[in-house]
C-alpha cells in the first residue's frame, strides 16, 4: 500500500464517518449508548470508540511510544465527545501521513505488540488503520440494524464517488 491509496481509503473512512454522525447524532446521546443485543458490541458507542482508539494506540506506536492495549470496550457517552476525539486523531493521522517522507514511510520500525518485538513500516501500520476502520463499518451497520435504524448505515464508497462527480442523489 502507498501514501495515495492510504489517503484515498482514509478520505472515504472520514466521509463515511461524517455521513453516519450527521444522520445518527441528531437522534440524541441515548442512541449512542443504547444496548444493541445481537450486534457483537454492547452499544454503538463501543464500536465507534474502538475505531478511534485504534488510531490513537497505533499512532503512538509509530511515534515510538510503548504500545498500550486500547480498551476495545471503552465507550464515550456523547456524540460531541466522540466527534472531538475523532477530529483530534484524524488530524494526527493526516499529519503523520504528511510528515513522513517516502523513505521514512517505507522503512522498518520495531514495535512491541503484546510483549513481542515486531517490524513494520509506518505505511503498513497506517494502511492497517484505515482498513481496520473500514472493517468495522459492517459492525456499525449491524448495530444500526439492531437499533431498528438500518437506513442510516454506512454508505458505500461509490456514494462518495457519486458525490465527487456531482451525480444526483445518493
Protein backbone atom coordinates (compact mmCIF):
# COMPACT_ATOMS: atom_id res chain seq x y z
CA UNK A 1 0.00 0.00 0.00
CA UNK A 2 1.25 3.50 -0.66
CA UNK A 3 0.50 7.04 0.55
CA UNK A 4 -2.03 7.67 -2.24
CA UNK A 5 -4.02 4.51 -1.51
CA UNK A 6 -4.00 5.15 2.24
CA UNK A 7 -5.14 8.72 1.67
CA UNK A 8 -7.98 7.59 -0.59
CA UNK A 9 -9.25 4.99 1.87
CA UNK A 10 -8.84 7.43 4.77
CA UNK A 11 -10.82 10.07 2.86
CA UNK A 12 -13.59 7.53 2.37
CA UNK A 13 -13.49 6.43 6.05
CA UNK A 14 -13.68 10.04 7.17
CA UNK A 15 -16.51 10.83 4.76
CA UNK A 16 -18.47 7.71 5.81
CA UNK A 17 -17.92 8.58 9.49
CA UNK A 18 -19.29 12.09 8.87
CA UNK A 19 -22.29 10.70 6.98
CA UNK A 20 -23.21 8.39 9.87
CA UNK A 21 -22.66 11.05 12.53
CA UNK A 22 -24.67 13.63 10.59
CA UNK A 23 -27.63 11.25 10.38
CA UNK A 24 -27.43 9.46 13.71
CA UNK A 25 -26.11 12.06 16.17
CA UNK A 26 -29.25 14.16 15.75
CA UNK A 27 -31.18 11.30 17.38
CA UNK A 28 -29.51 12.05 20.72
CA UNK A 29 -26.85 10.69 23.03
CA UNK A 30 -29.21 7.99 24.28
CA UNK A 31 -28.97 6.21 20.93
CA UNK A 32 -25.17 6.17 21.22
CA UNK A 33 -25.26 4.17 24.44
CA UNK A 34 -28.49 2.22 23.90
CA UNK A 35 -27.88 -1.54 24.25
CA UNK A 36 -27.82 -3.36 20.93
CA UNK A 37 -28.12 -7.08 21.72
CA UNK A 38 -27.00 -9.43 18.99
CA UNK A 39 -24.65 -6.96 17.36
CA UNK A 40 -21.42 -8.17 18.92
CA UNK A 41 -20.96 -4.81 20.68
CA UNK A 42 -22.75 -3.63 23.82
CA UNK A 43 -23.71 -0.36 22.11
CA UNK A 44 -22.89 1.85 19.13
CA UNK A 45 -20.56 3.94 21.29
CA UNK A 46 -18.34 0.93 22.00
CA UNK A 47 -17.76 0.18 18.33
CA UNK A 48 -17.23 3.79 17.28
CA UNK A 49 -14.88 4.44 20.22
CA UNK A 50 -12.91 1.30 19.38
CA UNK A 51 -12.39 2.54 15.82
CA UNK A 52 -10.98 5.85 17.08
CA UNK A 53 -8.94 4.39 19.95
CA UNK A 54 -7.23 2.18 17.37
CA UNK A 55 -5.87 5.28 15.66
CA UNK A 56 -4.64 6.67 18.99
CA UNK A 57 -2.87 3.48 20.01
CA UNK A 58 -1.14 2.82 16.69
CA UNK A 59 -0.13 6.43 16.07
CA UNK A 60 1.62 6.41 19.44
CA UNK A 61 3.27 3.13 18.46
CA UNK A 62 4.55 4.66 15.21
CA UNK A 63 5.91 7.56 17.27
CA UNK A 64 7.98 5.08 19.27
CA UNK A 65 5.94 5.23 22.45
CA UNK A 66 5.31 1.97 24.28
CA UNK A 67 2.19 0.36 22.84
CA UNK A 68 -0.61 0.18 25.33
CA UNK A 69 -3.58 -2.02 24.70
CA UNK A 70 -6.60 0.13 23.93
CA UNK A 71 -9.78 -0.88 25.68
CA UNK A 72 -11.94 -2.18 22.84
CA UNK A 73 -14.99 -1.92 25.05
CA UNK A 74 -14.40 1.65 26.23
CA UNK A 75 -17.13 3.98 25.14
CA UNK A 76 -17.80 7.68 25.08
CA UNK A 77 -21.12 8.93 26.37
CA UNK A 78 -21.95 11.75 23.94
CA UNK A 79 -21.77 12.48 20.24
CA UNK A 80 -19.88 15.71 20.91
CA UNK A 81 -17.22 13.84 22.90
CA UNK A 82 -16.91 11.23 20.15
CA UNK A 83 -16.71 13.86 17.41
CA UNK A 84 -13.99 15.80 19.27
CA UNK A 85 -11.94 12.65 19.85
CA UNK A 86 -12.32 11.60 16.22
CA UNK A 87 -11.29 15.05 14.99
CA UNK A 88 -8.10 15.00 17.10
CA UNK A 89 -6.96 11.55 16.00
CA UNK A 90 -7.86 12.12 12.36
CA UNK A 91 -5.85 15.35 12.29
CA UNK A 92 -2.95 13.50 13.91
CA UNK A 93 -3.25 10.70 11.33
CA UNK A 94 -3.20 13.15 8.40
CA UNK A 95 -0.28 14.98 9.99
CA UNK A 96 1.70 11.74 10.38
CA UNK A 97 0.98 10.62 6.82
CA UNK A 98 2.08 14.03 5.50
CA UNK A 99 5.12 14.47 7.78
CA UNK A 100 6.85 11.22 6.89
CA UNK A 101 8.88 11.31 3.69
CA UNK A 102 8.79 8.31 1.36
CA UNK A 103 11.93 6.75 2.84
CA UNK A 104 10.59 7.06 6.40
CA UNK A 105 7.20 5.78 5.34
CA UNK A 106 8.73 2.59 3.92
CA UNK A 107 11.48 1.95 6.50
CA UNK A 108 11.06 -0.74 9.13
CA UNK A 109 10.42 0.34 12.68
CA UNK A 110 10.45 -2.02 15.62
CA UNK A 111 7.31 -2.08 17.73
CA UNK A 112 6.23 -4.03 20.75
CA UNK A 113 2.91 -5.79 20.30
CA UNK A 114 1.67 -7.88 23.22
CA UNK A 115 5.23 -8.23 24.52
CA UNK A 116 6.71 -9.28 21.19
CA UNK A 117 9.11 -7.18 19.10
CA UNK A 118 7.89 -6.96 15.51
CA UNK A 119 8.98 -4.95 12.48
CA UNK A 120 6.54 -2.99 10.37
CA UNK A 121 6.84 0.04 8.17
CA UNK A 122 4.77 3.10 9.02
CA UNK A 123 2.96 2.69 5.69
CA UNK A 124 1.90 -0.82 6.73
CA UNK A 125 0.62 0.39 10.09
CA UNK A 126 -1.16 3.40 8.62
CA UNK A 127 -2.69 1.14 5.97
CA UNK A 128 -3.83 -1.21 8.71
CA UNK A 129 -5.57 1.65 10.49
CA UNK A 130 -7.70 2.70 7.54
CA UNK A 131 -8.58 -0.90 6.72
CA UNK A 132 -9.34 -1.60 10.40
CA UNK A 133 -11.86 1.23 10.44
CA UNK A 134 -13.34 0.09 7.15
CA UNK A 135 -13.73 -3.39 8.58
CA UNK A 136 -15.81 -2.05 11.44
CA UNK A 137 -18.24 -0.30 9.08
CA UNK A 138 -20.10 -3.61 8.90
CA UNK A 139 -20.34 -3.63 12.70
CA UNK A 140 -21.85 -0.14 12.60
CA UNK A 141 -24.40 -1.32 10.05
CA UNK A 142 -25.28 -4.32 12.25
CA UNK A 143 -25.63 -2.07 15.30
CA UNK A 144 -27.93 0.29 13.44
CA UNK A 145 -29.97 -2.68 12.22
CA UNK A 146 -30.27 -3.97 15.80
CA UNK A 147 -31.41 -0.48 16.84
CA UNK A 148 -34.10 -0.52 14.08
CA UNK A 149 -32.24 2.10 12.03
CA UNK A 150 -30.85 0.14 9.05
CA UNK A 151 -31.45 3.01 6.65
CA UNK A 152 -28.81 5.07 8.49
CA UNK A 153 -25.96 2.61 7.82
CA UNK A 154 -22.52 3.33 6.45
CA UNK A 155 -22.79 4.30 2.78
CA UNK A 156 -20.78 2.51 0.10
CA UNK A 157 -17.65 4.05 -1.40
CA UNK A 158 -19.50 4.56 -4.67
CA UNK A 159 -21.68 7.13 -2.90
CA UNK A 160 -18.60 9.24 -2.25
CA UNK A 161 -17.59 8.80 -5.89
CA UNK A 162 -21.10 9.89 -6.94
CA UNK A 163 -20.84 12.96 -4.71
CA UNK A 164 -17.42 13.90 -6.13
CA UNK A 165 -18.74 13.54 -9.69
CA UNK A 166 -21.85 15.54 -8.96
CA UNK A 167 -24.27 12.73 -9.67
CA UNK A 168 -27.75 13.50 -8.36
CA UNK A 169 -28.88 11.82 -5.16
CA UNK A 170 -27.30 9.04 -3.20
